[in-house]
Amino acid sequence: MNGLKIHYLYNSGFCVETENNILIFDYYNDKGIEDEKSIENGVIGGDLLTTGKRVYIFVSHSHYDHFNSLIFEFTKLNSSVKYILSSDVESVEEGIDYLIVKKGETIKLDNLIVKVYGSTDQGVSFLVNCDDFKLFHAGDLNWWHWKEDSAQDNQNAEKWFKEEIELIKGEKIDVAFFPVDGRQEEYYYLGGKYFIENLKPKVFIPMHFRENFEITKEFKNKMNASDTKIYEIPYRGFKIEI
């Protein structure tokens, strides 16, 4: 089994390169350092799209920080790009190869198997079986506990999150991309901790933190007793090899 090459793009955006495929999740920010479009800057450029590997673009939902219609321009560089889009994504351009998916579906696309799970906000989450790896991208699935919300709202959010996690139990997960959001203040770790303790992914990679890189270090330190390998992300474009 060959390895994975993963780059942090921005927020919840990641590029995952396997032996045969390139998977791009929730990409929206194409503004790199001095507008240089390179994967090292967290920006998808033509060099990545034209390697000869199959390219798949995943969109978990239509929030602006997960989706930008610029992704459809990738077909100008590679007409074989395929898109897997949550059903709430409406601005789909003509002439592209895409599938619309929703919670509960399982699709087979070339040599990928994609199971579509739910979210605790908008859209879906993805479990992708690709080249002998199982990758989970949570989208906005998280234990969203906010200090400004009522106690009842936070109880409902907790219940909803735990119900969604229950549906995923039993799945083998090699790499999980999951929110660790500093805007939740002291509650930033709740969802990630519960996810790790209940689903036991081999590798956990934080997301949904934009440029708050320090929060990924805090989470890793907080979970240092876990058997799951947890990554700190120190900068945009950071590369992880597994």
Protein backbone atom coordinates (compact mmCIF):
# COMPACT_ATOMS: atom_id res chain seq x y z
CA MET A 1 0.00 0.00 0.00
CA ASN A 2 1.53 3.28 -1.12
CA GLY A 3 1.22 6.42 0.97
CA LEU A 4 -0.72 9.65 1.04
CA LYS A 5 0.48 13.17 0.43
CA ILE A 6 -1.79 15.74 2.07
CA HIS A 7 -1.65 19.54 1.83
CA TYR A 8 -3.62 21.96 4.00
CA LEU A 9 -5.24 24.45 1.62
CA TYR A 10 -7.26 26.73 3.90
CA ASN A 11 -9.99 26.37 6.54
CA SER A 12 -11.51 22.96 5.68
CA GLY A 13 -9.74 22.64 2.34
CA PHE A 14 -7.32 19.79 1.72
CA CYS A 15 -5.63 18.16 -1.23
CA VAL A 16 -4.99 14.43 -0.86
CA GLU A 17 -2.76 12.71 -3.39
CA THR A 18 -2.64 8.91 -3.61
CA GLU A 19 -0.89 6.59 -6.03
CA ASN A 20 -3.60 7.00 -8.66
CA ASN A 21 -5.84 9.87 -7.60
CA ILE A 22 -6.01 13.47 -6.42
CA LEU A 23 -8.88 14.36 -4.07
CA ILE A 24 -9.62 18.00 -3.29
CA PHE A 25 -12.01 18.82 -0.43
CA ASP A 26 -13.87 22.09 0.27
CA TYR A 27 -11.52 24.36 -1.67
CA TYR A 28 -12.48 28.02 -1.88
CA ASN A 29 -9.54 30.35 -1.19
CA ASP A 30 -7.36 30.73 -4.29
CA LYS A 31 -5.45 33.78 -3.03
CA GLY A 32 -1.91 32.69 -2.23
CA ILE A 33 1.24 34.59 -1.36
CA GLU A 34 1.76 37.21 -4.08
CA ASP A 35 -0.90 35.37 -6.11
CA GLU A 36 1.46 32.46 -6.76
CA LYS A 37 -0.75 29.46 -7.44
CA SER A 38 1.15 26.55 -5.92
CA ILE A 39 0.17 23.74 -3.62
CA GLU A 40 2.93 24.90 -1.25
CA ASN A 41 0.90 28.09 -0.77
CA GLY A 42 -2.35 26.21 -0.34
CA VAL A 43 -3.54 27.08 -3.85
CA ILE A 44 -4.54 24.63 -6.58
CA GLY A 45 -2.72 25.31 -9.84
CA GLY A 46 -2.47 23.73 -13.24
CA ASP A 47 0.55 21.62 -12.34
CA LEU A 48 -1.52 19.64 -9.84
CA LEU A 49 -4.48 19.21 -12.17
CA THR A 50 -2.45 17.86 -15.08
CA THR A 51 -0.35 15.10 -13.52
CA GLY A 52 -2.23 12.35 -15.35
CA LYS A 53 -3.88 11.19 -12.14
CA ARG A 54 -7.66 11.21 -11.82
CA VAL A 55 -8.92 14.35 -10.08
CA TYR A 56 -12.02 14.48 -7.86
CA ILE A 57 -13.41 17.63 -6.24
CA PHE A 58 -15.60 17.23 -3.13
CA VAL A 59 -17.89 19.95 -1.77
CA SER A 60 -19.52 19.21 1.59
CA HIS A 61 -21.90 22.18 1.44
CA SER A 62 -22.44 25.58 -0.09
CA HIS A 63 -21.22 27.89 2.70
CA TYR A 64 -18.79 30.43 1.25
CA ASP A 65 -15.89 29.08 3.33
CA HIS A 66 -16.31 25.59 1.84
CA PHE A 67 -17.37 26.28 -1.74
CA ASN A 68 -16.37 28.65 -4.51
CA SER A 69 -17.63 28.23 -8.06
CA LEU A 70 -14.09 28.86 -9.30
CA ILE A 71 -13.56 25.11 -8.86
CA PHE A 72 -15.54 24.55 -12.06
CA GLU A 73 -12.80 26.37 -13.97
CA PHE A 74 -10.50 23.41 -13.31
CA THR A 75 -12.13 21.67 -16.28
CA LYS A 76 -10.43 24.20 -18.57
CA LEU A 77 -7.12 22.63 -17.58
CA ASN A 78 -8.33 19.05 -17.24
CA SER A 79 -11.61 18.04 -18.88
CA SER A 80 -11.66 14.78 -16.89
CA VAL A 81 -12.11 16.41 -13.47
CA LYS A 82 -15.12 14.99 -11.62
CA TYR A 83 -17.15 16.72 -8.92
CA ILE A 84 -19.00 15.23 -5.94
CA LEU A 85 -21.33 17.91 -4.61
CA SER A 86 -23.69 18.15 -1.67
CA SER A 87 -27.31 18.58 -2.73
CA ASP A 88 -27.43 22.15 -1.38
CA VAL A 89 -24.87 23.30 -3.97
CA GLU A 90 -27.04 24.94 -6.61
CA SER A 91 -24.75 27.02 -8.82
CA VAL A 92 -23.45 24.13 -10.91
CA GLU A 93 -22.09 25.14 -14.29
CA GLU A 94 -23.03 23.33 -17.48
CA GLY A 95 -20.66 20.97 -19.20
CA ILE A 96 -18.96 19.52 -16.15
CA ASP A 97 -18.97 15.93 -14.90
CA TYR A 98 -20.65 15.93 -11.49
CA LEU A 99 -22.73 13.94 -9.04
CA ILE A 100 -25.15 15.43 -6.51
CA VAL A 101 -25.18 13.46 -3.25
CA LYS A 102 -27.06 13.48 0.03
CA LYS A 103 -26.90 11.78 3.41
CA GLY A 104 -27.36 8.01 3.38
CA GLU A 105 -26.12 7.42 -0.16
CA THR A 106 -23.20 5.26 -1.23
CA ILE A 107 -21.74 5.87 -4.66
CA LYS A 108 -19.09 4.11 -6.71
CA LEU A 109 -17.15 6.39 -8.99
CA ASP A 110 -14.32 4.78 -10.95
CA ASN A 111 -12.21 3.16 -8.22
CA LEU A 112 -13.65 5.30 -5.40
CA ILE A 113 -16.39 4.27 -3.00
CA VAL A 114 -17.98 7.25 -1.28
CA LYS A 115 -20.34 6.94 1.69
CA VAL A 116 -22.25 10.12 2.43
CA TYR A 117 -22.95 10.90 6.07
CA GLY A 118 -24.71 13.82 7.69
CA SER A 119 -23.75 17.18 9.15
CA THR A 120 -24.78 19.18 12.19
CA ASP A 121 -25.03 22.29 10.09
CA GLN A 122 -25.53 22.36 6.34
CA GLY A 123 -24.70 19.67 3.78
CA VAL A 124 -22.91 16.38 4.31
CA SER A 125 -19.72 14.62 5.36
CA PHE A 126 -17.79 12.10 3.26
CA LEU A 127 -16.15 8.73 3.89
CA VAL A 128 -14.02 7.99 0.83
CA ASN A 129 -12.41 4.63 0.14
CA CYS A 130 -9.54 5.34 -2.24
CA ASP A 131 -6.44 3.27 -3.06
CA ASP A 132 -6.81 1.20 0.13
CA PHE A 133 -7.24 4.25 2.36
CA LYS A 134 -10.42 5.36 4.09
CA LEU A 135 -10.62 9.13 4.42
CA PHE A 136 -13.30 10.96 6.40
CA HIS A 137 -13.97 14.64 5.72
CA ALA A 138 -16.44 16.04 8.23
CA GLY A 139 -17.57 19.17 6.40
CA ASP A 140 -19.45 21.07 9.12
CA LEU A 141 -20.19 17.97 11.19
CA ASN A 142 -19.16 19.02 14.70
CA TRP A 143 -20.34 19.42 18.27
CA TRP A 144 -21.24 23.08 17.88
CA HIS A 145 -21.39 24.41 21.44
CA TRP A 146 -21.60 28.20 21.56
CA LYS A 147 -21.48 30.29 24.73
CA GLU A 148 -24.05 32.74 23.38
CA ASP A 149 -26.61 29.98 22.69
CA SER A 150 -29.19 28.86 25.24
CA ALA A 151 -28.62 25.77 27.35
CA GLN A 152 -31.42 24.04 25.45
CA ASP A 153 -29.89 24.87 22.07
CA ASN A 154 -26.53 23.49 23.18
CA GLN A 155 -28.16 20.33 24.52
CA ASN A 156 -29.90 19.86 21.18
CA ALA A 157 -26.63 20.41 19.32
CA GLU A 158 -24.89 17.80 21.48
CA LYS A 159 -27.68 15.27 20.91
CA TRP A 160 -27.68 15.84 17.15
CA PHE A 161 -23.91 15.46 16.93
CA LYS A 162 -23.82 12.25 18.95
CA GLU A 163 -26.62 10.78 16.84
CA GLU A 164 -24.63 11.48 13.68
CA ILE A 165 -21.48 9.91 15.14
CA GLU A 166 -23.48 6.82 16.10
CA LEU A 167 -24.29 6.29 12.42
CA ILE A 168 -20.59 6.24 11.55
CA LYS A 169 -19.54 3.81 14.29
CA GLY A 170 -18.05 0.59 12.96
CA GLU A 171 -16.34 2.27 10.03
CA LYS A 172 -12.57 1.96 9.77
CA ILE A 173 -11.09 5.43 9.31
CA ASP A 174 -7.45 5.88 8.35
CA VAL A 175 -7.43 9.68 8.15
CA ALA A 176 -10.05 12.05 9.55
CA PHE A 177 -10.33 15.75 8.72
CA PHE A 178 -12.44 17.29 11.47
CA PRO A 179 -13.27 20.79 12.83
CA VAL A 180 -11.20 22.28 15.64
CA ASP A 181 -12.65 25.77 15.72
CA GLY A 182 -11.20 28.36 18.08
CA ARG A 183 -14.34 30.51 17.82
CA GLN A 184 -15.93 28.03 20.22
CA GLU A 185 -13.45 29.25 22.83
CA GLU A 186 -13.02 26.72 25.65
CA TYR A 187 -15.40 24.30 23.91
CA TYR A 188 -13.26 24.05 20.75
CA TYR A 189 -12.15 20.50 21.54
CA LEU A 190 -15.52 18.86 22.30
CA GLY A 191 -16.30 17.47 18.86
CA GLY A 192 -12.78 16.33 18.03
CA LYS A 193 -12.32 14.59 21.37
CA TYR A 194 -15.65 12.77 21.06
CA PHE A 195 -14.91 11.80 17.46
CA ILE A 196 -11.50 10.35 18.35
CA GLU A 197 -12.73 8.50 21.43
CA ASN A 198 -15.70 6.93 19.64
CA LEU A 199 -14.48 6.36 16.06
CA LYS A 200 -10.76 5.87 16.74
CA PRO A 201 -9.26 7.09 13.46
CA LYS A 202 -5.61 6.23 12.90
CA VAL A 203 -4.84 9.84 12.00
CA PHE A 204 -6.70 13.04 12.94
CA ILE A 205 -6.08 16.29 11.07
CA PRO A 206 -7.73 19.48 12.41
CA MET A 207 -9.62 21.84 10.12
CA HIS A 208 -12.06 24.77 10.11
CA PHE A 209 -9.59 27.05 11.90
CA ARG A 210 -8.53 29.28 8.98
CA GLU A 211 -5.25 30.84 10.17
CA ASN A 212 -5.61 30.07 13.88
CA PHE A 213 -2.77 27.57 13.70
CA GLU A 214 -2.17 27.74 17.45
CA ILE A 215 -5.50 26.00 18.11
CA THR A 216 -4.25 22.88 16.31
CA LYS A 217 -1.25 22.76 18.64
CA GLU A 218 -3.51 23.21 21.67
CA PHE A 219 -5.74 20.37 20.52
CA LYS A 220 -2.81 18.05 19.90
CA ASN A 221 -1.42 18.76 23.38
CA LYS A 222 -4.83 18.29 24.98
CA MET A 223 -5.20 14.87 23.33
CA ASN A 224 -1.63 13.68 23.87
CA ALA A 225 -2.77 10.50 25.63
CA SER A 226 -4.72 9.33 22.58
CA ASP A 227 -3.58 6.41 20.42
CA THR A 228 -4.69 8.39 17.37
CA LYS A 229 -1.90 10.33 15.67
CA ILE A 230 -2.95 13.98 15.77
CA TYR A 231 -1.31 16.59 13.58
CA GLU A 232 -0.58 20.20 14.34
CA ILE A 233 -0.85 22.43 11.26
CA PRO A 234 1.62 25.35 11.49
CA TYR A 235 0.99 27.15 8.20
CA ARG A 236 -1.02 27.20 4.99
CA GLY A 237 0.26 24.71 2.43
CA PHE A 238 1.64 22.44 5.17
CA LYS A 239 2.38 18.96 3.84
CA ILE A 240 1.69 15.70 5.66
CA GLU A 241 3.00 12.41 4.29
CA ILE A 242 1.51 9.17 5.57
